[in-house]
Amino acid sequence: MANIVFIATSLDGYIADKNNAIEWLHSIPGTQELDLGYDNHIAAIDGLVMGRNTFELVCGFDCDWPYTKPVFVLSNTMQCVPSGYEDKVKLVSGGLLQLVDKLNAQGFLDLYIDGGVTIQSFLKSDLIDKMIITTIPIILGGGVSLFGELAEPLHFSCTESELFENGICQNTFVRKR
C-alpha cells in the first residue's frame, strides 16, 4: 500500500504560475513528446485522490477525460458531482487517515495523490510514501507552491534520478520512517 505523488514543478517549487495556469509545463521544447513515466505510474496505481481545484482544472482541459482509473475528488464544500462527470468521479470528504483506510479496504491500495492543497494535507498527516517529482527548468517567481509548512520535518530518500535530454529531470523520493 502506498500513497504516491507524481507531479511536475518549476525550479522554484511551483506547480502552477501566479495565474493558476500550467502552460509553462510545455515551455521547454520536446516536453510534449516525453512520457516521463506517467503511463507506467498510472498502470501501477489503483485509484486517484485529487482535490477540488485540480478536478476543476482537469475539467477545463480541451480533451476527453484523461483517467482510466477510479478518481476520488476530495472536497468538503462540493455537494455533488458536476453533470457529465457522474460516471468518472466520486466525491469524498473527511479525515485523510479514515479516507485512506476506507479506500484501502475497498481494494484501492496504491493511490495517486494529486493537487497542491491535497498533497500538502497528506504531507501534514504524514500519509505520503513516495514522490516522483519532475522538475521543469524554469523559474516562475511565484504561484502555487507544491509544499507548505509542516509541524515537523519529513525525511525522504532519493532512490532514483533521471535527466532527460531537454534538461528536465525527474527524482523519486521514498519516505524514511
C-alpha atoms as a PDB file:
ATOM      1  CA  MET A   1       0.000   0.000   0.000  1.00  0.00           C
ATOM      2  CA  ALA A   2       1.358   3.399  -0.932  1.00  0.00           C
ATOM      3  CA  ASN A   3       0.211   6.975  -1.377  1.00  0.00           C
ATOM      4  CA  ILE A   4       2.187   8.357  -4.289  1.00  0.00           C
ATOM      5  CA  VAL A   5       2.679  11.872  -5.630  1.00  0.00           C
ATOM      6  CA  PHE A   6       3.512  12.195  -9.343  1.00  0.00           C
ATOM      7  CA  ILE A   7       3.870  15.866 -10.225  1.00  0.00           C
ATOM      8  CA  ALA A   8       5.918  18.466 -12.066  1.00  0.00           C
ATOM      9  CA  THR A   9       7.320  21.618 -10.511  1.00  0.00           C
ATOM     10  CA  SER A  10       9.291  24.642 -11.604  1.00  0.00           C
ATOM     11  CA  LEU A  11      12.850  25.059 -10.328  1.00  0.00           C
ATOM     12  CA  ASP A  12      11.473  27.222  -7.541  1.00  0.00           C
ATOM     13  CA  GLY A  13       8.918  24.599  -6.471  1.00  0.00           C
ATOM     14  CA  TYR A  14       5.681  25.842  -8.028  1.00  0.00           C
ATOM     15  CA  ILE A  15       3.068  23.569  -9.606  1.00  0.00           C
ATOM     16  CA  ALA A  16       1.102  26.429 -11.182  1.00  0.00           C
ATOM     17  CA  ASP A  17       2.029  30.003 -12.022  1.00  0.00           C
ATOM     18  CA  LYS A  18       0.673  33.223 -10.487  1.00  0.00           C
ATOM     19  CA  ASN A  19      -2.477  32.893 -12.644  1.00  0.00           C
ATOM     20  CA  ASN A  20      -3.001  29.254 -11.565  1.00  0.00           C
ATOM     21  CA  ALA A  21      -2.021  28.243 -15.118  1.00  0.00           C
ATOM     22  CA  ILE A  22       0.157  25.303 -16.129  1.00  0.00           C
ATOM     23  CA  GLU A  23       1.052  26.113 -19.752  1.00  0.00           C
ATOM     24  CA  TRP A  24       4.646  26.665 -18.646  1.00  0.00           C
ATOM     25  CA  LEU A  25       4.935  22.877 -18.235  1.00  0.00           C
ATOM     26  CA  HIS A  26       5.374  22.724 -22.013  1.00  0.00           C
ATOM     27  CA  SER A  27       7.684  25.735 -22.318  1.00  0.00           C
ATOM     28  CA  ILE A  28      10.734  23.518 -22.850  1.00  0.00           C
ATOM     29  CA  PRO A  29      10.983  22.096 -26.392  1.00  0.00           C
ATOM     30  CA  GLY A  30      10.263  18.383 -26.589  1.00  0.00           C
ATOM     31  CA  THR A  31       8.161  18.069 -23.436  1.00  0.00           C
ATOM     32  CA  GLN A  32       5.019  17.145 -25.391  1.00  0.00           C
ATOM     33  CA  GLU A  33       6.739  14.011 -26.712  1.00  0.00           C
ATOM     34  CA  LEU A  34       8.044  12.812 -23.337  1.00  0.00           C
ATOM     35  CA  ASP A  35       6.020  10.321 -21.306  1.00  0.00           C
ATOM     36  CA  LEU A  36       8.241  10.803 -18.226  1.00  0.00           C
ATOM     37  CA  GLY A  37       6.936   7.547 -16.770  1.00  0.00           C
ATOM     38  CA  TYR A  38       3.339   8.702 -16.484  1.00  0.00           C
ATOM     39  CA  ASP A  39       1.848   5.696 -18.284  1.00  0.00           C
ATOM     40  CA  ASN A  40       3.758   3.263 -16.051  1.00  0.00           C
ATOM     41  CA  HIS A  41       2.713   5.258 -12.984  1.00  0.00           C
ATOM     42  CA  ILE A  42      -0.965   5.148 -13.933  1.00  0.00           C
ATOM     43  CA  ALA A  43      -0.728   1.421 -14.682  1.00  0.00           C
ATOM     44  CA  ALA A  44       0.699   0.794 -11.191  1.00  0.00           C
ATOM     45  CA  ILE A  45      -1.942   2.648  -9.160  1.00  0.00           C
ATOM     46  CA  ASP A  46      -5.444   1.570  -8.163  1.00  0.00           C
ATOM     47  CA  GLY A  47      -7.078   4.992  -7.951  1.00  0.00           C
ATOM     48  CA  LEU A  48      -6.532   8.734  -7.724  1.00  0.00           C
ATOM     49  CA  VAL A  49      -7.334  11.129  -4.924  1.00  0.00           C
ATOM     50  CA  MET A  50      -7.387  14.707  -6.156  1.00  0.00           C
ATOM     51  CA  GLY A  51      -8.543  17.967  -4.711  1.00  0.00           C
ATOM     52  CA  ARG A  52     -11.481  20.007  -5.965  1.00  0.00           C
ATOM     53  CA  ASN A  53      -9.224  22.661  -7.539  1.00  0.00           C
ATOM     54  CA  THR A  54      -7.318  20.050  -9.537  1.00  0.00           C
ATOM     55  CA  PHE A  55     -10.569  18.375 -10.573  1.00  0.00           C
ATOM     56  CA  GLU A  56     -11.906  21.718 -11.841  1.00  0.00           C
ATOM     57  CA  LEU A  57      -8.623  22.338 -13.695  1.00  0.00           C
ATOM     58  CA  VAL A  58      -8.808  18.915 -15.379  1.00  0.00           C
ATOM     59  CA  CYS A  59     -12.455  19.518 -16.313  1.00  0.00           C
ATOM     60  CA  GLY A  60     -11.288  22.636 -18.162  1.00  0.00           C
ATOM     61  CA  PHE A  61      -8.814  20.738 -20.362  1.00  0.00           C
ATOM     62  CA  ASP A  62      -9.736  20.566 -24.030  1.00  0.00           C
ATOM     63  CA  CYS A  63      -9.646  16.762 -24.193  1.00  0.00           C
ATOM     64  CA  ASP A  64     -11.542  13.637 -23.224  1.00  0.00           C
ATOM     65  CA  TRP A  65     -11.452  12.546 -19.584  1.00  0.00           C
ATOM     66  CA  PRO A  66      -7.779  11.583 -19.140  1.00  0.00           C
ATOM     67  CA  TYR A  67      -8.092   8.918 -16.441  1.00  0.00           C
ATOM     68  CA  THR A  68      -8.776   5.213 -16.770  1.00  0.00           C
ATOM     69  CA  LYS A  69      -8.633   4.510 -13.022  1.00  0.00           C
ATOM     70  CA  PRO A  70     -11.236   5.498 -10.403  1.00  0.00           C
ATOM     71  CA  VAL A  71     -10.959   9.138  -9.319  1.00  0.00           C
ATOM     72  CA  PHE A  72     -11.934  10.325  -5.840  1.00  0.00           C
ATOM     73  CA  VAL A  73     -12.384  14.091  -5.551  1.00  0.00           C
ATOM     74  CA  LEU A  74     -11.582  15.312  -2.063  1.00  0.00           C
ATOM     75  CA  SER A  75     -13.795  18.245  -1.137  1.00  0.00           C
ATOM     76  CA  ASN A  76     -15.563  19.456   1.956  1.00  0.00           C
ATOM     77  CA  THR A  77     -17.551  22.065   0.020  1.00  0.00           C
ATOM     78  CA  MET A  78     -18.649  20.378  -3.203  1.00  0.00           C
ATOM     79  CA  GLN A  79     -22.150  18.938  -2.730  1.00  0.00           C
ATOM     80  CA  CYS A  80     -22.499  16.930  -5.937  1.00  0.00           C
ATOM     81  CA  VAL A  81     -20.524  15.833  -8.953  1.00  0.00           C
ATOM     82  CA  PRO A  82     -20.982  18.208 -11.898  1.00  0.00           C
ATOM     83  CA  SER A  83     -23.188  16.996 -14.725  1.00  0.00           C
ATOM     84  CA  GLY A  84     -21.316  14.770 -17.145  1.00  0.00           C
ATOM     85  CA  TYR A  85     -18.835  13.502 -14.576  1.00  0.00           C
ATOM     86  CA  GLU A  86     -21.094  11.245 -12.509  1.00  0.00           C
ATOM     87  CA  ASP A  87     -19.540   8.100 -14.006  1.00  0.00           C
ATOM     88  CA  LYS A  88     -15.983   9.460 -13.792  1.00  0.00           C
ATOM     89  CA  VAL A  89     -15.519  10.601 -10.188  1.00  0.00           C
ATOM     90  CA  LYS A  90     -16.783  10.049  -6.683  1.00  0.00           C
ATOM     91  CA  LEU A  91     -16.853  12.791  -4.061  1.00  0.00           C
ATOM     92  CA  VAL A  92     -15.093  12.039  -0.774  1.00  0.00           C
ATOM     93  CA  SER A  93     -14.543  14.121   2.363  1.00  0.00           C
ATOM     94  CA  GLY A  94     -13.479  13.882   5.962  1.00  0.00           C
ATOM     95  CA  GLY A  95     -10.300  12.876   7.739  1.00  0.00           C
ATOM     96  CA  LEU A  96      -7.479  11.712   5.495  1.00  0.00           C
ATOM     97  CA  LEU A  97      -6.427   8.707   7.573  1.00  0.00           C
ATOM     98  CA  GLN A  98     -10.000   7.420   7.652  1.00  0.00           C
ATOM     99  CA  LEU A  99     -10.361   8.087   3.924  1.00  0.00           C
ATOM    100  CA  VAL A 100      -7.184   6.172   3.090  1.00  0.00           C
ATOM    101  CA  ASP A 101      -8.231   3.286   5.360  1.00  0.00           C
ATOM    102  CA  LYS A 102     -11.667   3.189   3.706  1.00  0.00           C
ATOM    103  CA  LEU A 103     -10.237   3.229   0.172  1.00  0.00           C
ATOM    104  CA  ASN A 104      -7.623   0.594   1.078  1.00  0.00           C
ATOM    105  CA  ALA A 105     -10.395  -1.633   2.488  1.00  0.00           C
ATOM    106  CA  GLN A 106     -12.218  -1.288  -0.856  1.00  0.00           C
ATOM    107  CA  GLY A 107      -9.118  -2.557  -2.693  1.00  0.00           C
ATOM    108  CA  PHE A 108      -7.586   0.795  -3.651  1.00  0.00           C
ATOM    109  CA  LEU A 109      -4.176   0.064  -2.195  1.00  0.00           C
ATOM    110  CA  ASP A 110      -1.868   2.240  -4.264  1.00  0.00           C
ATOM    111  CA  LEU A 111      -3.250   5.766  -4.515  1.00  0.00           C
ATOM    112  CA  TYR A 112      -2.069   8.609  -6.739  1.00  0.00           C
ATOM    113  CA  ILE A 113      -2.391  11.803  -4.684  1.00  0.00           C
ATOM    114  CA  ASP A 114      -2.768  14.924  -6.849  1.00  0.00           C
ATOM    115  CA  GLY A 115      -3.328  18.629  -6.307  1.00  0.00           C
ATOM    116  CA  GLY A 116      -1.385  21.194  -4.316  1.00  0.00           C
ATOM    117  CA  VAL A 117      -3.628  21.544  -1.267  1.00  0.00           C
ATOM    118  CA  THR A 118      -4.356  17.805  -1.240  1.00  0.00           C
ATOM    119  CA  ILE A 119      -0.663  16.888  -1.391  1.00  0.00           C
ATOM    120  CA  GLN A 120       0.117  19.402   1.367  1.00  0.00           C
ATOM    121  CA  SER A 121      -2.675  17.961   3.526  1.00  0.00           C
ATOM    122  CA  PHE A 122      -1.433  14.398   3.014  1.00  0.00           C
ATOM    123  CA  LEU A 123       2.106  15.521   3.896  1.00  0.00           C
ATOM    124  CA  LYS A 124       0.870  17.277   7.061  1.00  0.00           C
ATOM    125  CA  SER A 125      -0.751  13.975   8.052  1.00  0.00           C
ATOM    126  CA  ASP A 126       2.432  12.064   7.104  1.00  0.00           C
ATOM    127  CA  LEU A 127       0.497   9.985   4.572  1.00  0.00           C
ATOM    128  CA  ILE A 128       2.814  10.281   1.554  1.00  0.00           C
ATOM    129  CA  ASP A 129       5.023   7.252   0.946  1.00  0.00           C
ATOM    130  CA  LYS A 130       6.613   8.176  -2.369  1.00  0.00           C
ATOM    131  CA  MET A 131       7.037  11.284  -4.510  1.00  0.00           C
ATOM    132  CA  ILE A 132       8.025  11.342  -8.157  1.00  0.00           C
ATOM    133  CA  ILE A 133       8.843  14.966  -8.900  1.00  0.00           C
ATOM    134  CA  THR A 134       9.663  16.142 -12.410  1.00  0.00           C
ATOM    135  CA  THR A 135      11.494  19.464 -12.417  1.00  0.00           C
ATOM    136  CA  ILE A 136      10.959  21.762 -15.394  1.00  0.00           C
ATOM    137  CA  PRO A 137      13.977  24.105 -15.706  1.00  0.00           C
ATOM    138  CA  ILE A 138      12.054  27.364 -15.397  1.00  0.00           C
ATOM    139  CA  ILE A 139      11.807  29.823 -12.513  1.00  0.00           C
ATOM    140  CA  LEU A 140       8.281  31.176 -12.152  1.00  0.00           C
ATOM    141  CA  GLY A 141       8.919  33.554  -9.270  1.00  0.00           C
ATOM    142  CA  GLY A 142       5.574  32.818  -7.648  1.00  0.00           C
ATOM    143  CA  GLY A 143       2.416  30.802  -7.947  1.00  0.00           C
ATOM    144  CA  VAL A 144       1.017  27.683  -6.305  1.00  0.00           C
ATOM    145  CA  SER A 145       3.684  26.004  -4.189  1.00  0.00           C
ATOM    146  CA  LEU A 146       3.958  22.238  -4.039  1.00  0.00           C
ATOM    147  CA  PHE A 147       4.969  22.280  -0.387  1.00  0.00           C
ATOM    148  CA  GLY A 148       3.515  24.057   2.616  1.00  0.00           C
ATOM    149  CA  GLU A 149       4.503  24.402   6.232  1.00  0.00           C
ATOM    150  CA  LEU A 150       4.879  21.303   8.364  1.00  0.00           C
ATOM    151  CA  ALA A 151       4.961  20.940  12.149  1.00  0.00           C
ATOM    152  CA  GLU A 152       7.947  18.585  11.911  1.00  0.00           C
ATOM    153  CA  PRO A 153      10.370  17.707   9.090  1.00  0.00           C
ATOM    154  CA  LEU A 154       9.581  14.635   6.997  1.00  0.00           C
ATOM    155  CA  HIS A 155      12.615  12.720   5.783  1.00  0.00           C
ATOM    156  CA  PHE A 156      12.741  11.179   2.324  1.00  0.00           C
ATOM    157  CA  SER A 157      15.460   9.335   0.454  1.00  0.00           C
ATOM    158  CA  CYS A 158      16.140   9.920  -3.235  1.00  0.00           C
ATOM    159  CA  THR A 159      16.025   6.444  -4.760  1.00  0.00           C
ATOM    160  CA  GLU A 160      16.129   7.340  -8.433  1.00  0.00           C
ATOM    161  CA  SER A 161      17.106  10.296 -10.586  1.00  0.00           C
ATOM    162  CA  GLU A 162      16.818  10.700 -14.338  1.00  0.00           C
ATOM    163  CA  LEU A 163      17.968  13.524 -16.590  1.00  0.00           C
ATOM    164  CA  PHE A 164      16.242  13.953 -19.929  1.00  0.00           C
ATOM    165  CA  GLU A 165      17.987  15.393 -22.987  1.00  0.00           C
ATOM    166  CA  ASN A 166      15.938  18.606 -22.912  1.00  0.00           C
ATOM    167  CA  GLY A 167      17.141  19.484 -19.396  1.00  0.00           C
ATOM    168  CA  ILE A 168      14.135  18.160 -17.499  1.00  0.00           C
ATOM    169  CA  CYS A 169      14.990  15.950 -14.530  1.00  0.00           C
ATOM    170  CA  GLN A 170      12.880  13.553 -12.523  1.00  0.00           C
ATOM    171  CA  ASN A 171      13.599  12.405  -8.984  1.00  0.00           C
ATOM    172  CA  THR A 172      11.921   9.678  -6.975  1.00  0.00           C
ATOM    173  CA  PHE A 173      11.791  10.109  -3.204  1.00  0.00           C
ATOM    174  CA  VAL A 174      10.682   7.454  -0.709  1.00  0.00           C
ATOM    175  CA  ARG A 175       9.583   8.306   2.829  1.00  0.00           C
ATOM    176  CA  LYS A 176      12.051   7.217   5.506  1.00  0.00           C
ATOM    177  CA  ARG A 177      10.106   6.015   8.539  1.00  0.00           C
END
